[in-house]
């Protein structure tokens, strides 16, 4: 494999992993944020407002 091919492969692989990590982070973050909101709301904290985007 030439240096140019190796560099292209590493860039594509890095972009792929970055994209997957962003998607998973946003998905998990939204779910965890909503769970925390529900727990606080059920605990009697009424000044919490959940706004999705």
PDB file of N, CA and C in Angstrom:
ATOM      1  N   UNK A   1       0.855  -1.177   0.000  1.00  0.00           N
ATOM      2  CA  UNK A   1       0.000   0.000   0.000  1.00  0.00           C
ATOM      3  C   UNK A   1       0.901   1.240   0.000  1.00  0.00           C
ATOM      4  N   UNK A   2       0.604   2.151  -0.891  1.00  0.00           N
ATOM      5  CA  UNK A   2       1.440   3.352  -0.988  1.00  0.00           C
ATOM      6  C   UNK A   2       1.111   4.327   0.143  1.00  0.00           C
ATOM      7  N   UNK A   3       1.967   5.313   0.319  1.00  0.00           N
ATOM      8  CA  UNK A   3       1.754   6.313   1.368  1.00  0.00           C
ATOM      9  C   UNK A   3       0.456   7.086   1.138  1.00  0.00           C
ATOM     10  N   UNK A   4       0.176   7.392  -0.128  1.00  0.00           N
ATOM     11  CA  UNK A   4      -1.034   8.143  -0.459  1.00  0.00           C
ATOM     12  C   UNK A   4      -2.292   7.324  -0.134  1.00  0.00           C
ATOM     13  N   UNK A   5      -2.276   6.047  -0.449  1.00  0.00           N
ATOM     14  CA  UNK A   5      -3.409   5.174  -0.152  1.00  0.00           C
ATOM     15  C   UNK A   5      -3.592   5.009   1.357  1.00  0.00           C
ATOM     16  N   UNK A   6      -2.486   4.865   2.056  1.00  0.00           N
ATOM     17  CA  UNK A   6      -2.532   4.711   3.506  1.00  0.00           C
ATOM     18  C   UNK A   6      -3.115   5.962   4.162  1.00  0.00           C
ATOM     19  N   UNK A   7      -2.682   7.123   3.704  1.00  0.00           N
ATOM     20  CA  UNK A   7      -3.172   8.384   4.249  1.00  0.00           C
ATOM     21  C   UNK A   7      -4.676   8.542   3.999  1.00  0.00           C
ATOM     22  N   UNK A   8      -5.103   8.197   2.797  1.00  0.00           N
ATOM     23  CA  UNK A   8      -6.529   8.277   2.463  1.00  0.00           C
ATOM     24  C   UNK A   8      -7.335   7.321   3.335  1.00  0.00           C
ATOM     25  N   UNK A   9      -6.837   6.113   3.521  1.00  0.00           N
ATOM     26  CA  UNK A   9      -7.530   5.124   4.340  1.00  0.00           C
ATOM     27  C   UNK A   9      -7.656   5.601   5.789  1.00  0.00           C
ATOM     28  N   UNK A  10      -6.572   6.151   6.325  1.00  0.00           N
ATOM     29  CA  UNK A  10      -6.602   6.635   7.709  1.00  0.00           C
ATOM     30  C   UNK A  10      -7.559   7.805   7.885  1.00  0.00           C
ATOM     31  N   UNK A  11      -7.623   8.695   6.894  1.00  0.00           N
ATOM     32  CA  UNK A  11      -8.558   9.822   6.958  1.00  0.00           C
ATOM     33  C   UNK A  11     -10.001   9.341   6.921  1.00  0.00           C
ATOM     34  N   UNK A  12     -10.302   8.412   6.037  1.00  0.00           N
ATOM     35  CA  UNK A  12     -11.660   7.884   5.942  1.00  0.00           C
ATOM     36  C   UNK A  12     -12.058   7.129   7.203  1.00  0.00           C
ATOM     37  N   UNK A  13     -11.131   6.344   7.729  1.00  0.00           N
ATOM     38  CA  UNK A  13     -11.406   5.596   8.953  1.00  0.00           C
ATOM     39  C   UNK A  13     -11.636   6.546  10.133  1.00  0.00           C
ATOM     40  N   UNK A  14     -10.827   7.577  10.226  1.00  0.00           N
ATOM     41  CA  UNK A  14     -11.000   8.562  11.298  1.00  0.00           C
ATOM     42  C   UNK A  14     -12.319   9.294  11.175  1.00  0.00           C
ATOM     43  N   UNK A  15     -12.709   9.649   9.948  1.00  0.00           N
ATOM     44  CA  UNK A  15     -13.995  10.322   9.728  1.00  0.00           C
ATOM     45  C   UNK A  15     -15.159   9.408  10.093  1.00  0.00           C
ATOM     46  N   UNK A  16     -15.044   8.138   9.725  1.00  0.00           N
ATOM     47  CA  UNK A  16     -16.089   7.166  10.046  1.00  0.00           C
ATOM     48  C   UNK A  16     -16.268   7.043  11.554  1.00  0.00           C
ATOM     49  N   UNK A  17     -15.182   6.858  12.289  1.00  0.00           N
ATOM     50  CA  UNK A  17     -15.258   6.718  13.736  1.00  0.00           C
ATOM     51  C   UNK A  17     -15.781   7.997  14.396  1.00  0.00           C
ATOM     52  N   UNK A  18     -15.401   9.145  13.873  1.00  0.00           N
ATOM     53  CA  UNK A  18     -15.892  10.415  14.412  1.00  0.00           C
ATOM     54  C   UNK A  18     -17.398  10.532  14.225  1.00  0.00           C
ATOM     55  N   UNK A  19     -17.880  10.210  13.029  1.00  0.00           N
ATOM     56  CA  UNK A  19     -19.310  10.285  12.726  1.00  0.00           C
ATOM     57  C   UNK A  19     -20.112   9.339  13.616  1.00  0.00           C
ATOM     58  N   UNK A  20     -19.660   8.104  13.752  1.00  0.00           N
ATOM     59  CA  UNK A  20     -20.361   7.123  14.592  1.00  0.00           C
ATOM     60  C   UNK A  20     -20.372   7.578  16.052  1.00  0.00           C
ATOM     61  N   UNK A  21     -19.255   8.105  16.526  1.00  0.00           N
ATOM     62  CA  UNK A  21     -19.172   8.582  17.909  1.00  0.00           C
ATOM     63  C   UNK A  21     -20.125   9.746  18.156  1.00  0.00           C
ATOM     64  N   UNK A  22     -20.214  10.671  17.211  1.00  0.00           N
ATOM     65  CA  UNK A  22     -21.141  11.797  17.355  1.00  0.00           C
ATOM     66  C   UNK A  22     -22.587  11.332  17.413  1.00  0.00           C
ATOM     67  N   UNK A  23     -22.962  10.434  16.533  1.00  0.00           N
ATOM     68  CA  UNK A  23     -24.336   9.922  16.511  1.00  0.00           C
ATOM     69  C   UNK A  23     -24.668   9.222  17.825  1.00  0.00           C
ATOM     70  N   UNK A  24     -23.778   8.361  18.289  1.00  0.00           N
ATOM     71  CA  UNK A  24     -24.019   7.647  19.545  1.00  0.00           C
ATOM     72  C   UNK A  24     -24.050   8.599  20.738  1.00  0.00           C
ATOM     73  N   UNK A  25     -23.162   9.573  20.759  1.00  0.00           N
ATOM     74  CA  UNK A  25     -23.111  10.527  21.869  1.00  0.00           C
ATOM     75  C   UNK A  25     -24.397  11.344  21.964  1.00  0.00           C
ATOM     76  N   UNK A  26     -24.873  11.847  20.822  1.00  0.00           N
ATOM     77  CA  UNK A  26     -26.107  12.614  20.830  1.00  0.00           C
ATOM     78  C   UNK A  26     -27.291  11.749  21.246  1.00  0.00           C
ATOM     79  N   UNK A  27     -27.362  10.534  20.727  1.00  0.00           N
ATOM     80  CA  UNK A  27     -28.476   9.642  21.051  1.00  0.00           C
ATOM     81  C   UNK A  27     -28.507   9.303  22.537  1.00  0.00           C
ATOM     82  N   UNK A  28     -27.383   8.882  23.054  1.00  0.00           N
ATOM     83  CA  UNK A  28     -27.300   8.512  24.470  1.00  0.00           C
ATOM     84  C   UNK A  28     -27.500   9.742  25.356  1.00  0.00           C
ATOM     85  N   UNK A  29     -26.955  10.870  24.954  1.00  0.00           N
ATOM     86  CA  UNK A  29     -27.105  12.101  25.739  1.00  0.00           C
ATOM     87  C   UNK A  29     -28.547  12.558  25.842  1.00  0.00           C
ATOM     88  N   UNK A  30     -29.292  12.453  24.750  1.00  0.00           N
ATOM     89  CA  UNK A  30     -30.702  12.840  24.764  1.00  0.00           C
ATOM     90  C   UNK A  30     -31.489  11.926  25.690  1.00  0.00           C
ATOM     91  N   UNK A  31     -31.228  10.628  25.606  1.00  0.00           N
ATOM     92  CA  UNK A  31     -31.945   9.666  26.453  1.00  0.00           C
ATOM     93  C   UNK A  31     -31.620   9.893  27.925  1.00  0.00           C
ATOM     94  N   UNK A  32     -30.354  10.054  28.250  1.00  0.00           N
ATOM     95  CA  UNK A  32     -29.959  10.276  29.644  1.00  0.00           C
ATOM     96  C   UNK A  32     -30.525  11.603  30.159  1.00  0.00           C
ATOM     97  N   UNK A  33     -30.491  12.636  29.331  1.00  0.00           N
ATOM     98  CA  UNK A  33     -31.063  13.926  29.739  1.00  0.00           C
ATOM     99  C   UNK A  33     -32.546  13.830  30.034  1.00  0.00           C
ATOM    100  N   UNK A  34     -33.271  13.099  29.226  1.00  0.00           N
ATOM    101  CA  UNK A  34     -34.713  12.938  29.461  1.00  0.00           C
ATOM    102  C   UNK A  34     -34.977  12.116  30.724  1.00  0.00           C
ATOM    103  N   UNK A  35     -34.168  11.085  30.960  1.00  0.00           N
ATOM    104  CA  UNK A  35     -34.330  10.280  32.184  1.00  0.00           C
ATOM    105  C   UNK A  35     -34.073  11.131  33.415  1.00  0.00           C
ATOM    106  N   UNK A  36     -33.038  11.940  33.386  1.00  0.00           N
ATOM    107  CA  UNK A  36     -32.738  12.836  34.523  1.00  0.00           C
ATOM    108  C   UNK A  36     -33.885  13.812  34.739  1.00  0.00           C
ATOM    109  N   UNK A  37     -34.424  14.345  33.660  1.00  0.00           N
ATOM    110  CA  UNK A  37     -35.576  15.254  33.750  1.00  0.00           C
ATOM    111  C   UNK A  37     -36.759  14.567  34.423  1.00  0.00           C
ATOM    112  N   UNK A  38     -37.085  13.337  33.988  1.00  0.00           N
ATOM    113  CA  UNK A  38     -38.224  12.622  34.564  1.00  0.00           C
ATOM    114  C   UNK A  38     -38.003  12.324  36.042  1.00  0.00           C
ATOM    115  N   UNK A  39     -36.786  11.936  36.413  1.00  0.00           N
ATOM    116  CA  UNK A  39     -36.470  11.643  37.815  1.00  0.00           C
ATOM    117  C   UNK A  39     -36.628  12.905  38.658  1.00  0.00           C
ATOM    118  N   UNK A  40     -36.118  14.025  38.172  1.00  0.00           N
ATOM    119  CA  UNK A  40     -36.230  15.282  38.921  1.00  0.00           C
ATOM    120  C   UNK A  40     -37.688  15.726  39.015  1.00  0.00           C
ATOM    121  N   UNK A  41     -38.431  15.568  37.949  1.00  0.00           N
ATOM    122  CA  UNK A  41     -39.842  15.956  37.950  1.00  0.00           C
ATOM    123  C   UNK A  41     -40.628  15.110  38.951  1.00  0.00           C
ATOM    124  N   UNK A  42     -40.342  13.807  38.998  1.00  0.00           N
ATOM    125  CA  UNK A  42     -41.022  12.914  39.946  1.00  0.00           C
ATOM    126  C   UNK A  42     -40.563  13.137  41.384  1.00  0.00           C
ATOM    127  N   UNK A  43     -39.402  13.749  41.564  1.00  0.00           N
ATOM    128  CA  UNK A  43     -38.883  14.016  42.907  1.00  0.00           C
ATOM    129  C   UNK A  43     -39.444  15.301  43.494  1.00  0.00           C
ATOM    130  N   UNK A  44     -40.218  16.031  42.722  1.00  0.00           N
ATOM    131  CA  UNK A  44     -40.823  17.240  43.239  1.00  0.00           C
ATOM    132  C   UNK A  44     -40.141  18.516  42.786  1.00  0.00           C
ATOM    133  N   UNK A  45     -39.238  18.431  41.871  1.00  0.00           N
ATOM    134  CA  UNK A  45     -38.576  19.618  41.347  1.00  0.00           C
ATOM    135  C   UNK A  45     -39.414  20.122  40.173  1.00  0.00           C
ATOM    136  N   UNK A  46     -40.192  21.174  40.390  1.00  0.00           N
ATOM    137  CA  UNK A  46     -41.145  21.624  39.381  1.00  0.00           C
ATOM    138  C   UNK A  46     -40.623  22.780  38.526  1.00  0.00           C
ATOM    139  N   UNK A  47     -39.456  23.288  38.814  1.00  0.00           N
ATOM    140  CA  UNK A  47     -38.914  24.389  38.020  1.00  0.00           C
ATOM    141  C   UNK A  47     -38.074  23.890  36.845  1.00  0.00           C
ATOM    142  N   UNK A  48     -38.019  22.568  36.652  1.00  0.00           N
ATOM    143  CA  UNK A  48     -37.256  21.989  35.555  1.00  0.00           C
ATOM    144  C   UNK A  48     -38.138  21.944  34.304  1.00  0.00           C
ATOM    145  N   UNK A  49     -37.614  22.475  33.220  1.00  0.00           N
ATOM    146  CA  UNK A  49     -38.329  22.447  31.943  1.00  0.00           C
ATOM    147  C   UNK A  49     -37.459  21.723  30.930  1.00  0.00           C
ATOM    148  N   UNK A  50     -38.025  20.742  30.234  1.00  0.00           N
ATOM    149  CA  UNK A  50     -37.278  19.978  29.236  1.00  0.00           C
ATOM    150  C   UNK A  50     -37.640  20.490  27.854  1.00  0.00           C
ATOM    151  N   UNK A  51     -36.646  21.045  27.164  1.00  0.00           N
ATOM    152  CA  UNK A  51     -36.859  21.530  25.799  1.00  0.00           C
ATOM    153  C   UNK A  51     -35.997  20.699  24.868  1.00  0.00           C
ATOM    154  N   UNK A  52     -36.619  20.023  23.940  1.00  0.00           N
ATOM    155  CA  UNK A  52     -35.884  19.223  22.973  1.00  0.00           C
ATOM    156  C   UNK A  52     -35.519  20.115  21.798  1.00  0.00           C
ATOM    157  N   UNK A  53     -34.245  20.366  21.649  1.00  0.00           N
ATOM    158  CA  UNK A  53     -33.689  21.224  20.604  1.00  0.00           C
ATOM    159  C   UNK A  53     -34.372  22.531  20.661  1.00  0.00           C
TER     160      UNK A  53
END
